[in-house]
């Protein structure tokens, strides 16, 4: 397992699960500068992180044999699911929002570079790839330096060369919009509340409350509140709360913590 000696500024949250042969270095093999790993994260066997500035939010899962590399920043939000044998390139910078899924064997590239510029090669690009919230690359996707708006989705085997619009479905090589295709349907607040109450009953947690407005949240720090209207929760990091979050992820529901609990 990597050690703090490999990183100048290193922080890791509660209850990490770190596999064997995980390595963290700078992009050229030296010490990395800033590494932050959130609470309840999982990093599988043989994962390589080769960048100076890397941040992974709470409940992130990076499965085995994934490589993250580049001289730019790699900033990832909460509740990431990243499948095995994936490549995340941050040479031009990589920003991934909350609740994103990147299926196994996918490749996200923030730069294109190889051809001989002296000979007049016209293809050299380096720019920040921006991935919004709730974006899903189903698996075996290859993604060029694009911007993916929140809730957009690319089906398995897609090759994405152009920006992806909000809550729009794409497929193919190169990927094209599926007419009328969306990842998400409209769900009423009442339906969300009822479903979360059912989830809570199924799990059996007692110090968790499901609410539908911020006004229902009290200052009682012994209770973890989950607000279905804004998909936020009051993070207490109790064992019961962590168990409930793991019960919800990755498919039942995704919540991110209030910044000021």
C-alpha atoms as a PDB file:
ATOM      1  CA  UNK A   1       0.000   0.000   0.000  1.00  0.00           C
ATOM      2  CA  UNK A   2       1.108   3.546  -0.681  1.00  0.00           C
ATOM      3  CA  UNK A   3       2.405   5.653   2.168  1.00  0.00           C
ATOM      4  CA  UNK A   4       2.201   9.302   3.121  1.00  0.00           C
ATOM      5  CA  UNK A   5       5.862   9.620   2.163  1.00  0.00           C
ATOM      6  CA  UNK A   6       4.724   9.411  -1.469  1.00  0.00           C
ATOM      7  CA  UNK A   7       2.591  12.573  -1.140  1.00  0.00           C
ATOM      8  CA  UNK A   8       3.386  16.089   0.097  1.00  0.00           C
ATOM      9  CA  UNK A   9      -0.162  16.794   1.383  1.00  0.00           C
ATOM     10  CA  UNK A  10      -2.283  13.735   2.057  1.00  0.00           C
ATOM     11  CA  UNK A  11      -5.677  13.290   3.698  1.00  0.00           C
ATOM     12  CA  UNK A  12      -7.992  10.297   3.847  1.00  0.00           C
ATOM     13  CA  UNK A  13     -11.405   9.970   5.448  1.00  0.00           C
ATOM     14  CA  UNK A  14     -12.890   7.385   7.776  1.00  0.00           C
ATOM     15  CA  UNK A  15     -13.239   3.691   6.940  1.00  0.00           C
ATOM     16  CA  UNK A  16     -11.139   3.449   3.772  1.00  0.00           C
ATOM     17  CA  UNK A  17     -10.779   0.142   1.928  1.00  0.00           C
ATOM     18  CA  UNK A  18      -7.473   0.038   0.067  1.00  0.00           C
ATOM     19  CA  UNK A  19      -6.453  -2.974  -2.000  1.00  0.00           C
ATOM     20  CA  UNK A  20      -2.987  -4.385  -2.594  1.00  0.00           C
ATOM     21  CA  UNK A  21      -0.359  -2.824  -4.874  1.00  0.00           C
ATOM     22  CA  UNK A  22      -2.069   0.578  -4.949  1.00  0.00           C
ATOM     23  CA  UNK A  23       0.411   3.281  -5.925  1.00  0.00           C
ATOM     24  CA  UNK A  24       0.225   7.073  -5.820  1.00  0.00           C
ATOM     25  CA  UNK A  25       2.959   9.186  -7.391  1.00  0.00           C
ATOM     26  CA  UNK A  26       3.367  12.378  -9.341  1.00  0.00           C
ATOM     27  CA  UNK A  27       2.842  12.229 -13.122  1.00  0.00           C
ATOM     28  CA  UNK A  28       6.538  11.584 -13.698  1.00  0.00           C
ATOM     29  CA  UNK A  29       7.050   9.144 -10.851  1.00  0.00           C
ATOM     30  CA  UNK A  30       8.096  11.542  -8.084  1.00  0.00           C
ATOM     31  CA  UNK A  31       6.085  12.629  -5.065  1.00  0.00           C
ATOM     32  CA  UNK A  32       2.504  13.703  -5.656  1.00  0.00           C
ATOM     33  CA  UNK A  33       1.559  17.127  -4.279  1.00  0.00           C
ATOM     34  CA  UNK A  34      -2.025  16.974  -3.010  1.00  0.00           C
ATOM     35  CA  UNK A  35      -4.095  13.834  -2.513  1.00  0.00           C
ATOM     36  CA  UNK A  36      -7.497  13.854  -0.812  1.00  0.00           C
ATOM     37  CA  UNK A  37      -9.630  10.729  -0.421  1.00  0.00           C
ATOM     38  CA  UNK A  38     -13.035  11.091   1.237  1.00  0.00           C
ATOM     39  CA  UNK A  39     -14.905   8.964   3.752  1.00  0.00           C
ATOM     40  CA  UNK A  40     -15.847   5.324   3.095  1.00  0.00           C
ATOM     41  CA  UNK A  41     -13.951   5.080  -0.175  1.00  0.00           C
ATOM     42  CA  UNK A  42     -12.815   1.899  -1.878  1.00  0.00           C
ATOM     43  CA  UNK A  43      -9.699   1.657  -4.054  1.00  0.00           C
ATOM     44  CA  UNK A  44      -9.118  -1.771  -5.571  1.00  0.00           C
ATOM     45  CA  UNK A  45      -6.011  -3.803  -6.258  1.00  0.00           C
ATOM     46  CA  UNK A  46      -3.350  -2.437  -8.613  1.00  0.00           C
ATOM     47  CA  UNK A  47      -4.930   1.012  -8.964  1.00  0.00           C
ATOM     48  CA  UNK A  48      -2.356   3.588 -10.084  1.00  0.00           C
ATOM     49  CA  UNK A  49      -2.824   7.296  -9.430  1.00  0.00           C
ATOM     50  CA  UNK A  50      -0.137   9.307 -11.207  1.00  0.00           C
ATOM     51  CA  UNK A  51      -0.976  12.986 -10.827  1.00  0.00           C
ATOM     52  CA  UNK A  52      -0.043  15.904  -8.610  1.00  0.00           C
ATOM     53  CA  UNK A  53      -3.513  16.987  -7.518  1.00  0.00           C
ATOM     54  CA  UNK A  54      -6.178  14.326  -6.964  1.00  0.00           C
ATOM     55  CA  UNK A  55      -9.403  14.523  -4.978  1.00  0.00           C
ATOM     56  CA  UNK A  56     -12.032  11.804  -4.533  1.00  0.00           C
ATOM     57  CA  UNK A  57     -15.287  12.520  -2.678  1.00  0.00           C
ATOM     58  CA  UNK A  58     -17.044  10.322  -0.122  1.00  0.00           C
ATOM     59  CA  UNK A  59     -18.161   6.785  -1.010  1.00  0.00           C
ATOM     60  CA  UNK A  60     -16.075   6.747  -4.166  1.00  0.00           C
ATOM     61  CA  UNK A  61     -15.304   3.304  -5.583  1.00  0.00           C
ATOM     62  CA  UNK A  62     -12.387   2.808  -7.965  1.00  0.00           C
ATOM     63  CA  UNK A  63     -12.105  -0.814  -8.984  1.00  0.00           C
ATOM     64  CA  UNK A  64      -9.010  -2.849  -9.703  1.00  0.00           C
ATOM     65  CA  UNK A  65      -6.425  -2.123 -12.375  1.00  0.00           C
ATOM     66  CA  UNK A  66      -7.665   1.416 -13.019  1.00  0.00           C
ATOM     67  CA  UNK A  67      -5.090   4.038 -14.020  1.00  0.00           C
ATOM     68  CA  UNK A  68      -5.457   7.764 -13.343  1.00  0.00           C
ATOM     69  CA  UNK A  69      -2.689   9.885 -14.804  1.00  0.00           C
ATOM     70  CA  UNK A  70      -1.679  13.292 -16.120  1.00  0.00           C
ATOM     71  CA  UNK A  71      -0.103  16.586 -15.155  1.00  0.00           C
ATOM     72  CA  UNK A  72      -3.449  18.377 -14.684  1.00  0.00           C
ATOM     73  CA  UNK A  73      -5.853  18.229 -11.743  1.00  0.00           C
ATOM     74  CA  UNK A  74      -8.229  15.306 -11.272  1.00  0.00           C
ATOM     75  CA  UNK A  75     -11.166  16.386  -9.094  1.00  0.00           C
ATOM     76  CA  UNK A  76     -13.981  13.862  -8.515  1.00  0.00           C
ATOM     77  CA  UNK A  77     -17.184  14.390  -6.522  1.00  0.00           C
ATOM     78  CA  UNK A  78     -19.080  12.092  -4.168  1.00  0.00           C
ATOM     79  CA  UNK A  79     -20.444   8.606  -4.931  1.00  0.00           C
ATOM     80  CA  UNK A  80     -18.251   7.803  -7.931  1.00  0.00           C
ATOM     81  CA  UNK A  81     -18.451   4.278  -9.354  1.00  0.00           C
ATOM     82  CA  UNK A  82     -15.472   3.516 -11.580  1.00  0.00           C
ATOM     83  CA  UNK A  83     -15.230   0.014 -13.053  1.00  0.00           C
ATOM     84  CA  UNK A  84     -12.111  -2.097 -13.453  1.00  0.00           C
ATOM     85  CA  UNK A  85      -9.445  -1.510 -16.123  1.00  0.00           C
ATOM     86  CA  UNK A  86     -10.556   2.083 -16.680  1.00  0.00           C
ATOM     87  CA  UNK A  87      -8.261   4.933 -17.747  1.00  0.00           C
ATOM     88  CA  UNK A  88      -8.891   8.449 -16.438  1.00  0.00           C
ATOM     89  CA  UNK A  89      -6.542  10.886 -18.162  1.00  0.00           C
ATOM     90  CA  UNK A  90      -6.127  14.311 -16.554  1.00  0.00           C
ATOM     91  CA  UNK A  91      -3.326  15.699 -18.696  1.00  0.00           C
ATOM     92  CA  UNK A  92      -5.575  18.617 -19.618  1.00  0.00           C
ATOM     93  CA  UNK A  93      -7.549  18.465 -16.372  1.00  0.00           C
ATOM     94  CA  UNK A  94     -10.478  16.253 -15.403  1.00  0.00           C
ATOM     95  CA  UNK A  95     -13.491  17.427 -13.401  1.00  0.00           C
ATOM     96  CA  UNK A  96     -16.130  14.825 -12.514  1.00  0.00           C
ATOM     97  CA  UNK A  97     -19.253  15.791 -10.575  1.00  0.00           C
ATOM     98  CA  UNK A  98     -21.274  13.899  -7.979  1.00  0.00           C
ATOM     99  CA  UNK A  99     -23.015  10.544  -8.506  1.00  0.00           C
ATOM    100  CA  UNK A 100     -21.204   9.592 -11.702  1.00  0.00           C
ATOM    101  CA  UNK A 101     -20.736   6.109 -13.112  1.00  0.00           C
ATOM    102  CA  UNK A 102     -17.876   5.051 -15.374  1.00  0.00           C
ATOM    103  CA  UNK A 103     -18.260   1.468 -16.536  1.00  0.00           C
ATOM    104  CA  UNK A 104     -15.466  -1.095 -16.795  1.00  0.00           C
ATOM    105  CA  UNK A 105     -12.814  -0.741 -19.512  1.00  0.00           C
ATOM    106  CA  UNK A 106     -13.805   2.847 -20.307  1.00  0.00           C
ATOM    107  CA  UNK A 107     -11.268   5.528 -21.245  1.00  0.00           C
ATOM    108  CA  UNK A 108     -11.657   9.248 -20.589  1.00  0.00           C
ATOM    109  CA  UNK A 109      -9.042  11.343 -22.387  1.00  0.00           C
ATOM    110  CA  UNK A 110      -8.403  15.035 -21.735  1.00  0.00           C
ATOM    111  CA  UNK A 111      -5.703  15.250 -24.378  1.00  0.00           C
ATOM    112  CA  UNK A 112      -4.844  13.968 -27.835  1.00  0.00           C
ATOM    113  CA  UNK A 113      -1.148  13.905 -28.700  1.00  0.00           C
ATOM    114  CA  UNK A 114       1.181  11.734 -30.708  1.00  0.00           C
ATOM    115  CA  UNK A 115       1.686  12.850 -34.316  1.00  0.00           C
ATOM    116  CA  UNK A 116       4.870  14.595 -35.496  1.00  0.00           C
ATOM    117  CA  UNK A 117       4.203  18.326 -35.339  1.00  0.00           C
ATOM    118  CA  UNK A 118       7.324  19.095 -37.387  1.00  0.00           C
ATOM    119  CA  UNK A 119       5.823  17.049 -40.190  1.00  0.00           C
ATOM    120  CA  UNK A 120       2.624  19.061 -39.921  1.00  0.00           C
ATOM    121  CA  UNK A 121       0.408  16.798 -37.830  1.00  0.00           C
ATOM    122  CA  UNK A 122      -2.845  18.685 -37.262  1.00  0.00           C
ATOM    123  CA  UNK A 123      -4.073  16.719 -34.247  1.00  0.00           C
ATOM    124  CA  UNK A 124      -2.952  17.943 -30.843  1.00  0.00           C
ATOM    125  CA  UNK A 125      -5.519  18.884 -28.197  1.00  0.00           C
ATOM    126  CA  UNK A 126      -5.351  19.409 -24.457  1.00  0.00           C
ATOM    127  CA  UNK A 127      -8.267  20.833 -22.480  1.00  0.00           C
ATOM    128  CA  UNK A 128     -10.195  20.225 -19.294  1.00  0.00           C
ATOM    129  CA  UNK A 129     -12.814  17.516 -19.546  1.00  0.00           C
ATOM    130  CA  UNK A 130     -15.910  18.514 -17.568  1.00  0.00           C
ATOM    131  CA  UNK A 131     -18.311  15.791 -16.447  1.00  0.00           C
ATOM    132  CA  UNK A 132     -21.472  17.013 -14.684  1.00  0.00           C
ATOM    133  CA  UNK A 133     -23.495  15.331 -11.937  1.00  0.00           C
ATOM    134  CA  UNK A 134     -25.220  11.959 -12.501  1.00  0.00           C
ATOM    135  CA  UNK A 135     -23.416  11.287 -15.780  1.00  0.00           C
ATOM    136  CA  UNK A 136     -23.139   7.625 -16.730  1.00  0.00           C
ATOM    137  CA  UNK A 137     -20.737   6.021 -19.209  1.00  0.00           C
ATOM    138  CA  UNK A 138     -22.165   2.515 -19.202  1.00  0.00           C
ATOM    139  CA  UNK A 139     -18.994   0.594 -20.074  1.00  0.00           C
ATOM    140  CA  UNK A 140     -16.283   0.189 -22.732  1.00  0.00           C
ATOM    141  CA  UNK A 141     -16.789   3.873 -23.592  1.00  0.00           C
ATOM    142  CA  UNK A 142     -14.030   5.993 -25.129  1.00  0.00           C
ATOM    143  CA  UNK A 143     -14.420   9.691 -24.450  1.00  0.00           C
ATOM    144  CA  UNK A 144     -12.535  12.564 -26.119  1.00  0.00           C
ATOM    145  CA  UNK A 145     -11.992  15.922 -24.351  1.00  0.00           C
ATOM    146  CA  UNK A 146     -15.660  16.932 -24.201  1.00  0.00           C
ATOM    147  CA  UNK A 147     -18.143  18.465 -21.787  1.00  0.00           C
ATOM    148  CA  UNK A 148     -20.879  16.144 -20.534  1.00  0.00           C
ATOM    149  CA  UNK A 149     -23.841  17.971 -19.020  1.00  0.00           C
ATOM    150  CA  UNK A 150     -25.482  16.556 -15.892  1.00  0.00           C
ATOM    151  CA  UNK A 151     -27.610  13.387 -16.278  1.00  0.00           C
ATOM    152  CA  UNK A 152     -26.314  12.655 -19.764  1.00  0.00           C
ATOM    153  CA  UNK A 153     -25.576   9.016 -20.576  1.00  0.00           C
ATOM    154  CA  UNK A 154     -23.578   7.034 -23.148  1.00  0.00           C
ATOM    155  CA  UNK A 155     -24.531   3.418 -23.783  1.00  0.00           C
ATOM    156  CA  UNK A 156     -22.031   0.563 -23.817  1.00  0.00           C
ATOM    157  CA  UNK A 157     -19.290   0.748 -26.434  1.00  0.00           C
ATOM    158  CA  UNK A 158     -19.913   4.379 -27.337  1.00  0.00           C
ATOM    159  CA  UNK A 159     -17.138   6.572 -28.726  1.00  0.00           C
ATOM    160  CA  UNK A 160     -17.915  10.121 -27.639  1.00  0.00           C
ATOM    161  CA  UNK A 161     -16.329  12.908 -29.675  1.00  0.00           C
ATOM    162  CA  UNK A 162     -18.798  15.759 -29.082  1.00  0.00           C
ATOM    163  CA  UNK A 163     -20.345  17.450 -26.038  1.00  0.00           C
ATOM    164  CA  UNK A 164     -23.253  15.677 -24.347  1.00  0.00           C
ATOM    165  CA  UNK A 165     -26.437  17.598 -23.517  1.00  0.00           C
ATOM    166  CA  UNK A 166     -28.412  17.542 -20.272  1.00  0.00           C
ATOM    167  CA  UNK A 167     -30.309  14.275 -19.586  1.00  0.00           C
ATOM    168  CA  UNK A 168     -29.702  13.043 -23.127  1.00  0.00           C
ATOM    169  CA  UNK A 169     -28.918   9.503 -24.251  1.00  0.00           C
ATOM    170  CA  UNK A 170     -26.120   8.679 -26.711  1.00  0.00           C
ATOM    171  CA  UNK A 171     -24.909   5.533 -28.456  1.00  0.00           C
ATOM    172  CA  UNK A 172     -22.724   4.394 -31.326  1.00  0.00           C
ATOM    173  CA  UNK A 173     -19.371   4.998 -33.020  1.00  0.00           C
ATOM    174  CA  UNK A 174     -19.151   7.918 -33.135  1.00  0.00           C
ATOM    175  CA  UNK A 175     -21.853   8.402 -30.525  1.00  0.00           C
ATOM    176  CA  UNK A 176     -25.027  10.151 -31.627  1.00  0.00           C
ATOM    177  CA  UNK A 177     -28.060  11.339 -29.710  1.00  0.00           C
ATOM    178  CA  UNK A 178     -30.867   8.808 -29.465  1.00  0.00           C
ATOM    179  CA  UNK A 179     -33.965  10.711 -30.457  1.00  0.00           C
ATOM    180  CA  UNK A 180     -36.102  11.231 -27.352  1.00  0.00           C
ATOM    181  CA  UNK A 181     -33.786   9.138 -25.210  1.00  0.00           C
ATOM    182  CA  UNK A 182     -33.147  10.247 -21.622  1.00  0.00           C
ATOM    183  CA  UNK A 183     -31.526   8.679 -18.591  1.00  0.00           C
ATOM    184  CA  UNK A 184     -33.999  10.107 -16.047  1.00  0.00           C
ATOM    185  CA  UNK A 185     -37.769  10.498 -15.886  1.00  0.00           C
ATOM    186  CA  UNK A 186     -39.619  13.046 -13.779  1.00  0.00           C
ATOM    187  CA  UNK A 187     -40.282  11.834 -10.225  1.00  0.00           C
ATOM    188  CA  UNK A 188     -42.582  13.687  -7.823  1.00  0.00           C
ATOM    189  CA  UNK A 189     -41.411  14.714  -4.370  1.00  0.00           C
ATOM    190  CA  UNK A 190     -44.141  12.548  -2.864  1.00  0.00           C
ATOM    191  CA  UNK A 191     -42.897   9.485  -4.756  1.00  0.00           C
ATOM    192  CA  UNK A 192     -39.327  10.132  -3.623  1.00  0.00           C
ATOM    193  CA  UNK A 193     -40.424  10.512  -0.014  1.00  0.00           C
ATOM    194  CA  UNK A 194     -42.465   7.303  -0.052  1.00  0.00           C
ATOM    195  CA  UNK A 195     -39.655   5.328  -1.655  1.00  0.00           C
ATOM    196  CA  UNK A 196     -37.046   6.573   0.825  1.00  0.00           C
ATOM    197  CA  UNK A 197     -39.331   5.736   3.754  1.00  0.00           C
ATOM    198  CA  UNK A 198     -39.643   2.218   2.338  1.00  0.00           C
ATOM    199  CA  UNK A 199     -35.849   1.966   1.968  1.00  0.00           C
ATOM    200  CA  UNK A 200     -35.395   3.079   5.571  1.00  0.00           C
ATOM    201  CA  UNK A 201     -37.902   0.499   6.802  1.00  0.00           C
ATOM    202  CA  UNK A 202     -36.149  -2.210   4.799  1.00  0.00           C
ATOM    203  CA  UNK A 203     -32.759  -1.256   6.243  1.00  0.00           C
ATOM    204  CA  UNK A 204     -34.042  -0.849   9.796  1.00  0.00           C
ATOM    205  CA  UNK A 205     -31.989   2.171  10.872  1.00  0.00           C
ATOM    206  CA  UNK A 206     -33.438   4.035  13.869  1.00  0.00           C
ATOM    207  CA  UNK A 207     -31.411   7.254  14.056  1.00  0.00           C
ATOM    208  CA  UNK A 208     -32.158   8.358  10.495  1.00  0.00           C
ATOM    209  CA  UNK A 209     -35.040  10.556   9.377  1.00  0.00           C
ATOM    210  CA  UNK A 210     -36.331  11.165   5.870  1.00  0.00           C
ATOM    211  CA  UNK A 211     -37.551  14.724   5.242  1.00  0.00           C
ATOM    212  CA  UNK A 212     -38.726  16.744   2.255  1.00  0.00           C
ATOM    213  CA  UNK A 213     -37.533  20.219   3.252  1.00  0.00           C
ATOM    214  CA  UNK A 214     -34.569  21.846   4.973  1.00  0.00           C
ATOM    215  CA  UNK A 215     -36.922  23.308   7.593  1.00  0.00           C
ATOM    216  CA  UNK A 216     -37.599  19.823   8.996  1.00  0.00           C
ATOM    217  CA  UNK A 217     -33.953  19.342   9.977  1.00  0.00           C
ATOM    218  CA  UNK A 218     -33.269  19.994  13.638  1.00  0.00           C
ATOM    219  CA  UNK A 219     -29.969  20.606  15.396  1.00  0.00           C
ATOM    220  CA  UNK A 220     -30.031  17.121  16.925  1.00  0.00           C
ATOM    221  CA  UNK A 221     -26.647  15.737  15.867  1.00  0.00           C
ATOM    222  CA  UNK A 222     -27.621  12.214  16.885  1.00  0.00           C
ATOM    223  CA  UNK A 223     -29.968  12.048  13.895  1.00  0.00           C
ATOM    224  CA  UNK A 224     -28.891  11.807  10.250  1.00  0.00           C
ATOM    225  CA  UNK A 225     -31.417  13.645   8.068  1.00  0.00           C
ATOM    226  CA  UNK A 226     -31.886  12.742   4.401  1.00  0.00           C
ATOM    227  CA  UNK A 227     -33.666  15.462   2.418  1.00  0.00           C
ATOM    228  CA  UNK A 228     -35.325  14.168  -0.753  1.00  0.00           C
ATOM    229  CA  UNK A 229     -35.940  17.670  -2.148  1.00  0.00           C
ATOM    230  CA  UNK A 230     -32.257  18.548  -2.582  1.00  0.00           C
ATOM    231  CA  UNK A 231     -30.608  15.073  -2.347  1.00  0.00           C
ATOM    232  CA  UNK A 232     -28.536  16.185   0.646  1.00  0.00           C
ATOM    233  CA  UNK A 233     -27.961  14.664   4.069  1.00  0.00           C
ATOM    234  CA  UNK A 234     -26.537  15.810   7.385  1.00  0.00           C
ATOM    235  CA  UNK A 235     -23.361  13.798   7.558  1.00  0.00           C
ATOM    236  CA  UNK A 236     -22.739  12.431  11.089  1.00  0.00           C
ATOM    237  CA  UNK A 237     -20.476   9.509  10.076  1.00  0.00           C
ATOM    238  CA  UNK A 238     -22.174   7.190  12.547  1.00  0.00           C
ATOM    239  CA  UNK A 239     -21.928   3.486  11.840  1.00  0.00           C
ATOM    240  CA  UNK A 240     -25.678   3.384  11.199  1.00  0.00           C
ATOM    241  CA  UNK A 241     -25.532   6.251   8.721  1.00  0.00           C
ATOM    242  CA  UNK A 242     -22.599   4.706   6.859  1.00  0.00           C
ATOM    243  CA  UNK A 243     -24.421   1.381   6.715  1.00  0.00           C
ATOM    244  CA  UNK A 244     -27.515   3.084   5.318  1.00  0.00           C
ATOM    245  CA  UNK A 245     -25.515   4.970   2.687  1.00  0.00           C
ATOM    246  CA  UNK A 246     -23.872   1.741   1.532  1.00  0.00           C
ATOM    247  CA  UNK A 247     -27.312   0.136   1.436  1.00  0.00           C
ATOM    248  CA  UNK A 248     -28.572   2.921  -0.856  1.00  0.00           C
ATOM    249  CA  UNK A 249     -25.571   2.948  -3.189  1.00  0.00           C
ATOM    250  CA  UNK A 250     -25.090   2.529  -6.053  1.00  0.00           C
ATOM    251  CA  UNK A 251     -28.609   2.215  -7.476  1.00  0.00           C
ATOM    252  CA  UNK A 252     -31.307   2.879  -4.857  1.00  0.00           C
ATOM    253  CA  UNK A 253     -30.524   6.528  -4.129  1.00  0.00           C
ATOM    254  CA  UNK A 254     -27.575   8.904  -4.070  1.00  0.00           C
ATOM    255  CA  UNK A 255     -27.165  11.712  -1.539  1.00  0.00           C
ATOM    256  CA  UNK A 256     -24.322  14.158  -0.941  1.00  0.00           C
ATOM    257  CA  UNK A 257     -23.527  15.827   2.405  1.00  0.00           C
ATOM    258  CA  UNK A 258     -24.442  19.355   3.380  1.00  0.00           C
ATOM    259  CA  UNK A 259     -21.257  21.387   3.505  1.00  0.00           C
ATOM    260  CA  UNK A 260     -22.113  22.740   6.950  1.00  0.00           C
ATOM    261  CA  UNK A 261     -23.723  20.058   9.114  1.00  0.00           C
END
